[in-house]
Amino acid sequence: MELKAAGTAGTLESSDVMVTLEPTADGKIDFSLESSVINQYGRQIRATVLETLERLGVNSAKVIVNDHGALDCTIKARVECAFYRGCQCDMDGKFDWGGVIR
């Protein structure tokens, strides 16, 4: 599967994260992060997002992350959901939600 359109998941509430994935054709990940805890957890947030994208097979996308203190499991779930929304696939509800999330 590949990104065909922008996909967004999450909210701007406390302890959540909003993730937007947009398709690009340049073959790289353009990563942007805003976070209230960027000084403490910015590297971990970035690593979690990039690991999840790698697992999903995404190697070209514009990634916008607006974090408000989300846990790693929430970040992974939001990235995965944004990806599936951006794929615009009709799989009759047969998504591998969290099937191999580490």
Protein backbone atom coordinates (compact mmCIF):
# COMPACT_ATOMS: atom_id res chain seq x y z
CA MET A 1 0.00 0.00 0.00
CA GLU A 2 1.10 3.54 -0.61
CA LEU A 3 -0.07 6.99 0.36
CA LYS A 4 -2.42 8.47 -2.23
CA ALA A 5 -3.72 11.45 -0.28
CA ALA A 6 -3.16 13.20 3.02
CA GLY A 7 -4.20 11.19 6.05
CA THR A 8 -4.67 12.62 9.54
CA ALA A 9 -5.29 10.97 12.89
CA GLY A 10 -5.44 12.17 16.47
CA THR A 11 -6.46 15.29 18.34
CA LEU A 12 -4.80 18.29 19.94
CA GLU A 13 -6.00 17.28 23.41
CA SER A 14 -3.63 16.73 26.31
CA SER A 15 -1.89 13.31 26.22
CA ASP A 16 -2.66 12.88 22.50
CA VAL A 17 -0.88 13.55 19.23
CA MET A 18 -2.09 14.67 15.80
CA VAL A 19 -0.25 13.02 12.92
CA THR A 20 -0.59 14.05 9.27
CA LEU A 21 1.01 12.08 6.45
CA GLU A 22 1.13 13.53 2.94
CA PRO A 23 2.45 11.72 -0.14
CA THR A 24 5.58 13.02 -1.83
CA ALA A 25 7.52 11.84 -4.84
CA ASP A 26 11.03 12.72 -3.67
CA GLY A 27 11.77 9.37 -2.00
CA LYS A 28 12.48 10.74 1.47
CA ILE A 29 10.74 11.39 4.76
CA ASP A 30 10.24 15.10 5.49
CA PHE A 31 9.67 15.14 9.26
CA SER A 32 8.25 18.07 11.25
CA LEU A 33 7.60 17.93 15.01
CA GLU A 34 5.89 20.31 17.39
CA SER A 35 5.70 19.18 20.99
CA SER A 36 5.22 20.60 24.44
CA VAL A 37 7.88 18.12 25.60
CA ILE A 38 10.27 18.32 22.63
CA ASN A 39 13.33 18.98 24.80
CA GLN A 40 12.72 15.91 26.92
CA TYR A 41 11.24 13.44 24.40
CA GLY A 42 11.76 14.83 20.89
CA ARG A 43 14.29 12.17 19.84
CA GLN A 44 12.08 9.35 21.17
CA ILE A 45 8.99 10.71 19.40
CA ARG A 46 10.89 10.97 16.12
CA ALA A 47 12.29 7.44 16.50
CA THR A 48 8.84 6.01 17.26
CA VAL A 49 7.27 7.69 14.22
CA LEU A 50 10.08 6.63 11.88
CA GLU A 51 10.08 3.03 13.14
CA THR A 52 6.33 2.80 12.58
CA LEU A 53 6.63 4.25 9.06
CA GLU A 54 9.40 1.76 8.27
CA ARG A 55 7.23 -1.13 9.47
CA LEU A 56 4.41 0.11 7.25
CA GLY A 57 6.77 0.36 4.25
CA VAL A 58 6.57 4.14 3.91
CA ASN A 59 9.75 5.63 2.46
CA SER A 60 8.41 8.83 0.94
CA ALA A 61 6.12 11.19 2.85
CA LYS A 62 5.75 14.56 4.49
CA VAL A 63 5.15 13.85 8.18
CA ILE A 64 3.70 16.48 10.51
CA VAL A 65 3.49 15.58 14.20
CA ASN A 66 1.85 17.86 16.77
CA ASP A 67 2.38 16.18 20.14
CA HIS A 68 0.82 17.04 23.48
CA GLY A 69 2.43 14.42 25.70
CA ALA A 70 1.30 11.20 24.01
CA LEU A 71 2.70 7.82 25.00
CA ASP A 72 4.59 5.72 22.43
CA CYS A 73 1.63 3.36 21.96
CA THR A 74 -0.60 6.33 21.09
CA ILE A 75 1.96 7.73 18.65
CA LYS A 76 2.22 4.36 16.89
CA ALA A 77 -1.57 4.04 16.65
CA ARG A 78 -1.96 7.56 15.24
CA VAL A 79 0.76 7.04 12.62
CA GLU A 80 -0.80 3.75 11.56
CA CYS A 81 -4.30 5.25 11.34
CA ALA A 82 -3.09 8.28 9.33
CA PHE A 83 -1.31 5.90 6.95
CA TYR A 84 -4.39 3.76 6.32
CA ARG A 85 -6.55 6.85 5.84
CA GLY A 86 -4.04 8.26 3.36
CA CYS A 87 -3.94 5.01 1.37
CA GLN A 88 -7.65 5.30 0.60
CA CYS A 89 -7.83 1.53 0.32
CA ASP A 90 -11.04 -0.44 0.43
CA MET A 91 -10.09 -3.64 2.20
CA ASP A 92 -13.55 -4.38 3.59
CA GLY A 93 -12.36 -3.52 7.09
CA LYS A 94 -9.49 -6.03 6.96
CA PHE A 95 -6.73 -3.73 8.15
CA ASP A 96 -3.90 -5.21 10.17
CA TRP A 97 -4.53 -2.81 13.06
CA GLY A 98 -1.65 -3.19 15.47
CA GLY A 99 -0.81 -6.59 14.15
CA VAL A 100 2.92 -6.20 14.58
CA ILE A 101 3.30 -2.98 16.55
CA ARG A 102 6.28 -3.29 18.85
